[in-house]
Amino acid sequence: MSDYKVKYQLHFHTFNKTVVEKLEIANGTTFFDGEMNRSVYSEKDACDYVRSTHKTGDIEQLFKVPQEIYDSEYGEVGATSLKILRCWIG
């Protein structure tokens, strides 16, 4: 089975900066959605995985964070908003 690709938009509120990127999620990837353990076996699961990772605050683990954010006076990511733009099998 192929991997899933997710195109997302991540907005960093503290810096008023928006990043649009794509990431790949392997079929069968497991994650905890806040209530139970789940696995990625569909496009919906891939989107849920991305949302769940964002919700738990593991942003650096999954998303590309611009170096300028770490180099800023704040030195951390701060508040973010996530928008899933597209999800497909790749």
PDB file of N, CA and C in Angstrom:
ATOM      1  N   MET A   1       0.845  -1.192   0.000  1.00  0.00           N
ATOM      2  CA  MET A   1       0.000   0.000   0.000  1.00  0.00           C
ATOM      3  C   MET A   1       0.884   1.246   0.000  1.00  0.00           C
ATOM      4  N   SER A   2       0.427   2.280  -0.598  1.00  0.00           N
ATOM      5  CA  SER A   2       1.173   3.528  -0.712  1.00  0.00           C
ATOM      6  C   SER A   2       1.056   4.374   0.549  1.00  0.00           C
ATOM      7  N   ASP A   3       1.932   5.350   0.630  1.00  0.00           N
ATOM      8  CA  ASP A   3       1.873   6.329   1.711  1.00  0.00           C
ATOM      9  C   ASP A   3       0.797   7.356   1.406  1.00  0.00           C
ATOM     10  N   TYR A   4       0.437   8.109   2.424  1.00  0.00           N
ATOM     11  CA  TYR A   4      -0.545   9.181   2.268  1.00  0.00           C
ATOM     12  C   TYR A   4       0.187  10.510   2.297  1.00  0.00           C
ATOM     13  N   LYS A   5      -0.244  11.407   1.451  1.00  0.00           N
ATOM     14  CA  LYS A   5       0.342  12.751   1.414  1.00  0.00           C
ATOM     15  C   LYS A   5      -0.698  13.741   1.913  1.00  0.00           C
ATOM     16  N   VAL A   6      -0.254  14.660   2.735  1.00  0.00           N
ATOM     17  CA  VAL A   6      -1.139  15.679   3.296  1.00  0.00           C
ATOM     18  C   VAL A   6      -0.515  17.044   3.038  1.00  0.00           C
ATOM     19  N   LYS A   7      -1.277  17.915   2.408  1.00  0.00           N
ATOM     20  CA  LYS A   7      -0.844  19.295   2.209  1.00  0.00           C
ATOM     21  C   LYS A   7      -1.534  20.118   3.287  1.00  0.00           C
ATOM     22  N   TYR A   8      -0.744  20.886   4.016  1.00  0.00           N
ATOM     23  CA  TYR A   8      -1.302  21.632   5.139  1.00  0.00           C
ATOM     24  C   TYR A   8      -0.826  23.081   5.136  1.00  0.00           C
ATOM     25  N   GLN A   9      -1.548  23.892   5.873  1.00  0.00           N
ATOM     26  CA  GLN A   9      -1.186  25.293   6.095  1.00  0.00           C
ATOM     27  C   GLN A   9      -1.079  25.473   7.605  1.00  0.00           C
ATOM     28  N   LEU A  10       0.076  25.929   8.063  1.00  0.00           N
ATOM     29  CA  LEU A  10       0.315  26.141   9.482  1.00  0.00           C
ATOM     30  C   LEU A  10       0.604  27.618   9.705  1.00  0.00           C
ATOM     31  N   HIS A  11      -0.215  28.255  10.532  1.00  0.00           N
ATOM     32  CA  HIS A  11      -0.047  29.689  10.799  1.00  0.00           C
ATOM     33  C   HIS A  11       0.529  29.870  12.197  1.00  0.00           C
ATOM     34  N   PHE A  12       1.623  30.621  12.277  1.00  0.00           N
ATOM     35  CA  PHE A  12       2.275  30.940  13.543  1.00  0.00           C
ATOM     36  C   PHE A  12       1.781  32.316  13.979  1.00  0.00           C
ATOM     37  N   HIS A  13       0.910  32.352  14.980  1.00  0.00           N
ATOM     38  CA  HIS A  13       0.260  33.598  15.381  1.00  0.00           C
ATOM     39  C   HIS A  13       1.242  34.634  15.937  1.00  0.00           C
ATOM     40  N   THR A  14       2.185  34.204  16.750  1.00  0.00           N
ATOM     41  CA  THR A  14       3.132  35.134  17.360  1.00  0.00           C
ATOM     42  C   THR A  14       3.928  35.893  16.305  1.00  0.00           C
ATOM     43  N   PHE A  15       4.188  35.239  15.193  1.00  0.00           N
ATOM     44  CA  PHE A  15       5.032  35.817  14.139  1.00  0.00           C
ATOM     45  C   PHE A  15       4.234  36.270  12.926  1.00  0.00           C
ATOM     46  N   ASN A  16       2.936  36.029  12.929  1.00  0.00           N
ATOM     47  CA  ASN A  16       2.063  36.342  11.804  1.00  0.00           C
ATOM     48  C   ASN A  16       2.653  35.797  10.499  1.00  0.00           C
ATOM     49  N   LYS A  17       3.043  34.528  10.553  1.00  0.00           N
ATOM     50  CA  LYS A  17       3.672  33.872   9.403  1.00  0.00           C
ATOM     51  C   LYS A  17       2.913  32.584   9.100  1.00  0.00           C
ATOM     52  N   THR A  18       2.690  32.320   7.814  1.00  0.00           N
ATOM     53  CA  THR A  18       1.990  31.120   7.378  1.00  0.00           C
ATOM     54  C   THR A  18       2.915  30.291   6.497  1.00  0.00           C
ATOM     55  N   VAL A  19       2.930  28.986   6.748  1.00  0.00           N
ATOM     56  CA  VAL A  19       3.744  28.051   5.984  1.00  0.00           C
ATOM     57  C   VAL A  19       2.816  27.023   5.342  1.00  0.00           C
ATOM     58  N   VAL A  20       3.007  26.772   4.059  1.00  0.00           N
ATOM     59  CA  VAL A  20       2.254  25.741   3.354  1.00  0.00           C
ATOM     60  C   VAL A  20       3.265  24.680   2.928  1.00  0.00           C
ATOM     61  N   GLU A  21       3.048  23.441   3.372  1.00  0.00           N
ATOM     62  CA  GLU A  21       3.971  22.346   3.087  1.00  0.00           C
ATOM     63  C   GLU A  21       3.200  21.059   2.853  1.00  0.00           C
ATOM     64  N   LYS A  22       3.917  20.031   2.391  1.00  0.00           N
ATOM     65  CA  LYS A  22       3.365  18.691   2.237  1.00  0.00           C
ATOM     66  C   LYS A  22       4.178  17.746   3.110  1.00  0.00           C
ATOM     67  N   LEU A  23       3.521  16.702   3.596  1.00  0.00           N
ATOM     68  CA  LEU A  23       4.249  15.664   4.307  1.00  0.00           C
ATOM     69  C   LEU A  23       3.698  14.303   3.934  1.00  0.00           C
ATOM     70  N   GLU A  24       4.524  13.276   4.143  1.00  0.00           N
ATOM     71  CA  GLU A  24       4.130  11.906   3.845  1.00  0.00           C
ATOM     72  C   GLU A  24       3.916  11.154   5.135  1.00  0.00           C
ATOM     73  N   ILE A  25       2.864  10.353   5.173  1.00  0.00           N
ATOM     74  CA  ILE A  25       2.569   9.532   6.332  1.00  0.00           C
ATOM     75  C   ILE A  25       2.490   8.091   5.856  1.00  0.00           C
ATOM     76  N   ALA A  26       3.280   7.236   6.463  1.00  0.00           N
ATOM     77  CA  ALA A  26       3.331   5.838   6.053  1.00  0.00           C
ATOM     78  C   ALA A  26       2.042   5.108   6.422  1.00  0.00           C
ATOM     79  N   ASN A  27       1.606   4.244   5.545  1.00  0.00           N
ATOM     80  CA  ASN A  27       0.448   3.413   5.813  1.00  0.00           C
ATOM     81  C   ASN A  27       0.737   2.557   7.045  1.00  0.00           C
ATOM     82  N   GLY A  28      -0.179   2.511   7.994  1.00  0.00           N
ATOM     83  CA  GLY A  28       0.000   1.731   9.210  1.00  0.00           C
ATOM     84  C   GLY A  28       0.598   2.491  10.377  1.00  0.00           C
ATOM     85  N   THR A  29       0.932   3.772  10.177  1.00  0.00           N
ATOM     86  CA  THR A  29       1.457   4.594  11.275  1.00  0.00           C
ATOM     87  C   THR A  29       0.442   4.618  12.413  1.00  0.00           C
ATOM     88  N   THR A  30       0.910   4.419  13.633  1.00  0.00           N
ATOM     89  CA  THR A  30       0.007   4.414  14.781  1.00  0.00           C
ATOM     90  C   THR A  30       0.121   5.734  15.539  1.00  0.00           C
ATOM     91  N   PHE A  31      -0.980   6.139  16.158  1.00  0.00           N
ATOM     92  CA  PHE A  31      -1.004   7.376  16.936  1.00  0.00           C
ATOM     93  C   PHE A  31      -2.114   7.313  17.964  1.00  0.00           C
ATOM     94  N   PHE A  32      -2.029   8.173  18.961  1.00  0.00           N
ATOM     95  CA  PHE A  32      -3.054   8.287  19.987  1.00  0.00           C
ATOM     96  C   PHE A  32      -3.828   9.562  19.720  1.00  0.00           C
ATOM     97  N   ASP A  33      -5.144   9.467  19.557  1.00  0.00           N
ATOM     98  CA  ASP A  33      -5.954  10.633  19.191  1.00  0.00           C
ATOM     99  C   ASP A  33      -6.561  11.353  20.392  1.00  0.00           C
ATOM    100  N   GLY A  34      -6.106  11.023  21.589  1.00  0.00           N
ATOM    101  CA  GLY A  34      -6.643  11.652  22.786  1.00  0.00           C
ATOM    102  C   GLY A  34      -7.639  10.773  23.508  1.00  0.00           C
ATOM    103  N   GLU A  35      -8.199   9.802  22.796  1.00  0.00           N
ATOM    104  CA  GLU A  35      -9.159   8.867  23.378  1.00  0.00           C
ATOM    105  C   GLU A  35      -8.726   7.414  23.220  1.00  0.00           C
ATOM    106  N   MET A  36      -8.125   7.089  22.075  1.00  0.00           N
ATOM    107  CA  MET A  36      -7.723   5.708  21.831  1.00  0.00           C
ATOM    108  C   MET A  36      -6.584   5.647  20.825  1.00  0.00           C
ATOM    109  N   ASN A  37      -5.910   4.492  20.771  1.00  0.00           N
ATOM    110  CA  ASN A  37      -4.856   4.266  19.793  1.00  0.00           C
ATOM    111  C   ASN A  37      -5.486   3.985  18.439  1.00  0.00           C
ATOM    112  N   ARG A  38      -4.887   4.580  17.406  1.00  0.00           N
ATOM    113  CA  ARG A  38      -5.408   4.406  16.052  1.00  0.00           C
ATOM    114  C   ARG A  38      -4.254   4.174  15.093  1.00  0.00           C
ATOM    115  N   SER A  39      -4.576   3.747  13.892  1.00  0.00           N
ATOM    116  CA  SER A  39      -3.596   3.540  12.828  1.00  0.00           C
ATOM    117  C   SER A  39      -4.071   4.230  11.561  1.00  0.00           C
ATOM    118  N   VAL A  40      -3.126   4.572  10.708  1.00  0.00           N
ATOM    119  CA  VAL A  40      -3.434   5.246   9.447  1.00  0.00           C
ATOM    120  C   VAL A  40      -3.614   4.199   8.352  1.00  0.00           C
ATOM    121  N   TYR A  41      -4.870   4.038   7.895  1.00  0.00           N
ATOM    122  CA  TYR A  41      -5.182   3.119   6.812  1.00  0.00           C
ATOM    123  C   TYR A  41      -6.070   3.766   5.756  1.00  0.00           C
ATOM    124  N   SER A  42      -6.312   5.079   5.869  1.00  0.00           N
ATOM    125  CA  SER A  42      -7.136   5.780   4.888  1.00  0.00           C
ATOM    126  C   SER A  42      -6.733   7.257   4.877  1.00  0.00           C
ATOM    127  N   GLU A  43      -7.266   7.986   3.911  1.00  0.00           N
ATOM    128  CA  GLU A  43      -6.983   9.418   3.831  1.00  0.00           C
ATOM    129  C   GLU A  43      -7.515  10.141   5.065  1.00  0.00           C
ATOM    130  N   LYS A  44      -8.694   9.745   5.542  1.00  0.00           N
ATOM    131  CA  LYS A  44      -9.261  10.361   6.736  1.00  0.00           C
ATOM    132  C   LYS A  44      -8.363  10.123   7.948  1.00  0.00           C
ATOM    133  N   ASP A  45      -7.839   8.901   8.079  1.00  0.00           N
ATOM    134  CA  ASP A  45      -6.928   8.589   9.181  1.00  0.00           C
ATOM    135  C   ASP A  45      -5.670   9.452   9.106  1.00  0.00           C
ATOM    136  N   ALA A  46      -5.153   9.669   7.902  1.00  0.00           N
ATOM    137  CA  ALA A  46      -3.959  10.499   7.730  1.00  0.00           C
ATOM    138  C   ALA A  46      -4.228  11.931   8.188  1.00  0.00           C
ATOM    139  N   CYS A  47      -5.381  12.470   7.823  1.00  0.00           N
ATOM    140  CA  CYS A  47      -5.743  13.823   8.260  1.00  0.00           C
ATOM    141  C   CYS A  47      -5.930  13.871   9.773  1.00  0.00           C
ATOM    142  N   ASP A  48      -6.551  12.844  10.338  1.00  0.00           N
ATOM    143  CA  ASP A  48      -6.727  12.776  11.798  1.00  0.00           C
ATOM    144  C   ASP A  48      -5.382  12.704  12.515  1.00  0.00           C
ATOM    145  N   TYR A  49      -4.430  11.977  11.930  1.00  0.00           N
ATOM    146  CA  TYR A  49      -3.086  11.881  12.506  1.00  0.00           C
ATOM    147  C   TYR A  49      -2.422  13.263  12.565  1.00  0.00           C
ATOM    148  N   VAL A  50      -2.521  14.005  11.473  1.00  0.00           N
ATOM    149  CA  VAL A  50      -1.920  15.340  11.421  1.00  0.00           C
ATOM    150  C   VAL A  50      -2.597  16.260  12.444  1.00  0.00           C
ATOM    151  N   ARG A  51      -3.919  16.237  12.498  1.00  0.00           N
ATOM    152  CA  ARG A  51      -4.648  17.080  13.462  1.00  0.00           C
ATOM    153  C   ARG A  51      -4.305  16.709  14.897  1.00  0.00           C
ATOM    154  N   SER A  52      -4.225  15.423  15.170  1.00  0.00           N
ATOM    155  CA  SER A  52      -3.932  14.946  16.512  1.00  0.00           C
ATOM    156  C   SER A  52      -2.528  15.361  16.948  1.00  0.00           C
ATOM    157  N   THR A  53      -1.565  15.249  16.045  1.00  0.00           N
ATOM    158  CA  THR A  53      -0.193  15.651  16.360  1.00  0.00           C
ATOM    159  C   THR A  53      -0.130  17.150  16.642  1.00  0.00           C
ATOM    160  N   HIS A  54      -0.856  17.943  15.871  1.00  0.00           N
ATOM    161  CA  HIS A  54      -0.908  19.386  16.100  1.00  0.00           C
ATOM    162  C   HIS A  54      -1.560  19.687  17.442  1.00  0.00           C
ATOM    163  N   LYS A  55      -2.643  18.998  17.735  1.00  0.00           N
ATOM    164  CA  LYS A  55      -3.399  19.242  18.974  1.00  0.00           C
ATOM    165  C   LYS A  55      -2.575  18.929  20.228  1.00  0.00           C
ATOM    166  N   THR A  56      -1.752  17.885  20.167  1.00  0.00           N
ATOM    167  CA  THR A  56      -0.945  17.512  21.327  1.00  0.00           C
ATOM    168  C   THR A  56       0.293  18.386  21.482  1.00  0.00           C
ATOM    169  N   GLY A  57       0.550  19.263  20.527  1.00  0.00           N
ATOM    170  CA  GLY A  57       1.666  20.194  20.636  1.00  0.00           C
ATOM    171  C   GLY A  57       2.991  19.648  20.142  1.00  0.00           C
ATOM    172  N   ASP A  58       2.983  18.535  19.445  1.00  0.00           N
ATOM    173  CA  ASP A  58       4.216  17.951  18.912  1.00  0.00           C
ATOM    174  C   ASP A  58       4.542  18.531  17.545  1.00  0.00           C
ATOM    175  N   ILE A  59       4.481  19.835  17.440  1.00  0.00           N
ATOM    176  CA  ILE A  59       4.613  20.494  16.142  1.00  0.00           C
ATOM    177  C   ILE A  59       5.976  20.241  15.505  1.00  0.00           C
ATOM    178  N   GLU A  60       7.054  20.335  16.284  1.00  0.00           N
ATOM    179  CA  GLU A  60       8.383  20.138  15.717  1.00  0.00           C
ATOM    180  C   GLU A  60       8.586  18.714  15.213  1.00  0.00           C
ATOM    181  N   GLN A  61       7.870  17.759  15.768  1.00  0.00           N
ATOM    182  CA  GLN A  61       8.001  16.362  15.372  1.00  0.00           C
ATOM    183  C   GLN A  61       7.505  16.128  13.946  1.00  0.00           C
ATOM    184  N   LEU A  62       6.484  16.842  13.542  1.00  0.00           N
ATOM    185  CA  LEU A  62       5.823  16.548  12.273  1.00  0.00           C
ATOM    186  C   LEU A  62       5.944  17.665  11.241  1.00  0.00           C
ATOM    187  N   PHE A  63       5.828  18.899  11.673  1.00  0.00           N
ATOM    188  CA  PHE A  63       5.763  20.019  10.746  1.00  0.00           C
ATOM    189  C   PHE A  63       7.116  20.689  10.559  1.00  0.00           C
ATOM    190  N   LYS A  64       7.283  21.340   9.420  1.00  0.00           N
ATOM    191  CA  LYS A  64       8.496  22.112   9.162  1.00  0.00           C
ATOM    192  C   LYS A  64       8.338  23.493   9.789  1.00  0.00           C
ATOM    193  N   VAL A  65       9.187  23.791  10.757  1.00  0.00           N
ATOM    194  CA  VAL A  65       9.154  25.087  11.436  1.00  0.00           C
ATOM    195  C   VAL A  65      10.334  25.902  10.925  1.00  0.00           C
ATOM    196  N   PRO A  66      10.082  27.104  10.392  1.00  0.00           N
ATOM    197  CA  PRO A  66      11.165  27.928   9.864  1.00  0.00           C
ATOM    198  C   PRO A  66      12.211  28.260  10.942  1.00  0.00           C
ATOM    199  N   GLN A  67      13.483  28.232  10.570  1.00  0.00           N
ATOM    200  CA  GLN A  67      14.575  28.507  11.508  1.00  0.00           C
ATOM    201  C   GLN A  67      14.456  29.901  12.108  1.00  0.00           C
ATOM    202  N   GLU A  68      13.908  30.849  11.358  1.00  0.00           N
ATOM    203  CA  GLU A  68      13.789  32.215  11.864  1.00  0.00           C
ATOM    204  C   GLU A  68      12.917  32.303  13.118  1.00  0.00           C
ATOM    205  N   ILE A  69      12.021  31.337  13.296  1.00  0.00           N
ATOM    206  CA  ILE A  69      11.190  31.321  14.501  1.00  0.00           C
ATOM    207  C   ILE A  69      12.040  30.965  15.710  1.00  0.00           C
ATOM    208  N   TYR A  70      12.926  29.975  15.552  1.00  0.00           N
ATOM    209  CA  TYR A  70      13.820  29.622  16.656  1.00  0.00           C
ATOM    210  C   TYR A  70      14.844  30.723  16.935  1.00  0.00           C
ATOM    211  N   ASP A  71      15.228  31.451  15.894  1.00  0.00           N
ATOM    212  CA  ASP A  71      16.224  32.513  16.033  1.00  0.00           C
ATOM    213  C   ASP A  71      15.635  33.809  16.579  1.00  0.00           C
ATOM    214  N   SER A  72      14.316  33.900  16.681  1.00  0.00           N
ATOM    215  CA  SER A  72      13.663  35.128  17.123  1.00  0.00           C
ATOM    216  C   SER A  72      13.859  35.344  18.618  1.00  0.00           C
ATOM    217  N   GLU A  73      13.407  36.481  19.095  1.00  0.00           N
ATOM    218  CA  GLU A  73      13.519  36.804  20.517  1.00  0.00           C
ATOM    219  C   GLU A  73      12.691  35.867  21.387  1.00  0.00           C
ATOM    220  N   TYR A  74      11.641  35.251  20.805  1.00  0.00           N
ATOM    221  CA  TYR A  74      10.795  34.334  21.570  1.00  0.00           C
ATOM    222  C   TYR A  74      11.447  32.966  21.717  1.00  0.00           C
ATOM    223  N   GLY A  75      12.110  32.495  20.672  1.00  0.00           N
ATOM    224  CA  GLY A  75      12.822  31.239  20.707  1.00  0.00           C
ATOM    225  C   GLY A  75      11.963  29.994  20.732  1.00  0.00           C
ATOM    226  N   GLU A  76      10.671  30.140  20.577  1.00  0.00           N
ATOM    227  CA  GLU A  76       9.778  28.984  20.557  1.00  0.00           C
ATOM    228  C   GLU A  76       8.660  29.210  19.562  1.00  0.00           C
ATOM    229  N   VAL A  77       7.916  28.172  19.284  1.00  0.00           N
ATOM    230  CA  VAL A  77       6.887  28.210  18.257  1.00  0.00           C
ATOM    231  C   VAL A  77       5.695  29.069  18.653  1.00  0.00           C
ATOM    232  N   GLY A  78       5.187  28.928  19.849  1.00  0.00           N
ATOM    233  CA  GLY A  78       4.020  29.696  20.292  1.00  0.00           C
ATOM    234  C   GLY A  78       2.727  29.131  19.717  1.00  0.00           C
ATOM    235  N   ALA A  79       1.700  29.957  19.669  1.00  0.00           N
ATOM    236  CA  ALA A  79       0.373  29.534  19.220  1.00  0.00           C
ATOM    237  C   ALA A  79       0.345  29.342  17.702  1.00  0.00           C
ATOM    238  N   THR A  80      -0.332  28.270  17.281  1.00  0.00           N
ATOM    239  CA  THR A  80      -0.451  27.974  15.855  1.00  0.00           C
ATOM    240  C   THR A  80      -1.875  27.550  15.514  1.00  0.00           C
ATOM    241  N   SER A  81      -2.214  27.691  14.245  1.00  0.00           N
ATOM    242  CA  SER A  81      -3.480  27.187  13.707  1.00  0.00           C
ATOM    243  C   SER A  81      -3.149  26.287  12.528  1.00  0.00           C
ATOM    244  N   LEU A  82      -3.870  25.187  12.413  1.00  0.00           N
ATOM    245  CA  LEU A  82      -3.630  24.221  11.348  1.00  0.00           C
ATOM    246  C   LEU A  82      -4.845  24.143  10.441  1.00  0.00           C
ATOM    247  N   LYS A  83      -4.575  24.082   9.140  1.00  0.00           N
ATOM    248  CA  LYS A  83      -5.639  23.885   8.163  1.00  0.00           C
ATOM    249  C   LYS A  83      -5.155  22.824   7.176  1.00  0.00           C
ATOM    250  N   ILE A  84      -5.916  21.738   7.046  1.00  0.00           N
ATOM    251  CA  ILE A  84      -5.592  20.699   6.079  1.00  0.00           C
ATOM    252  C   ILE A  84      -6.130  21.144   4.732  1.00  0.00           C
ATOM    253  N   LEU A  85      -5.257  21.257   3.740  1.00  0.00           N
ATOM    254  CA  LEU A  85      -5.673  21.731   2.426  1.00  0.00           C
ATOM    255  C   LEU A  85      -6.068  20.579   1.501  1.00  0.00           C
ATOM    256  N   ARG A  86      -5.355  19.448   1.629  1.00  0.00           N
ATOM    257  CA  ARG A  86      -5.623  18.319   0.739  1.00  0.00           C
ATOM    258  C   ARG A  86      -4.969  17.072   1.296  1.00  0.00           C
ATOM    259  N   CYS A  87      -5.568  15.920   1.026  1.00  0.00           N
ATOM    260  CA  CYS A  87      -4.999  14.640   1.437  1.00  0.00           C
ATOM    261  C   CYS A  87      -5.230  13.643   0.305  1.00  0.00           C
ATOM    262  N   TRP A  88      -4.191  12.869  -0.039  1.00  0.00           N
ATOM    263  CA  TRP A  88      -4.331  11.924  -1.127  1.00  0.00           C
ATOM    264  C   TRP A  88      -3.350  10.768  -0.951  1.00  0.00           C
ATOM    265  N   ILE A  89      -3.607   9.699  -1.700  1.00  0.00           N
ATOM    266  CA  ILE A  89      -2.704   8.540  -1.689  1.00  0.00           C
ATOM    267  C   ILE A  89      -1.616   8.815  -2.709  1.00  0.00           C
ATOM    268  N   GLY A  90      -0.368   8.639  -2.288  1.00  0.00           N
ATOM    269  CA  GLY A  90       0.740   8.967  -3.187  1.00  0.00           C
ATOM    270  C   GLY A  90       1.645   7.857  -3.351  1.00  0.00           C
TER     271      GLY A  90
END
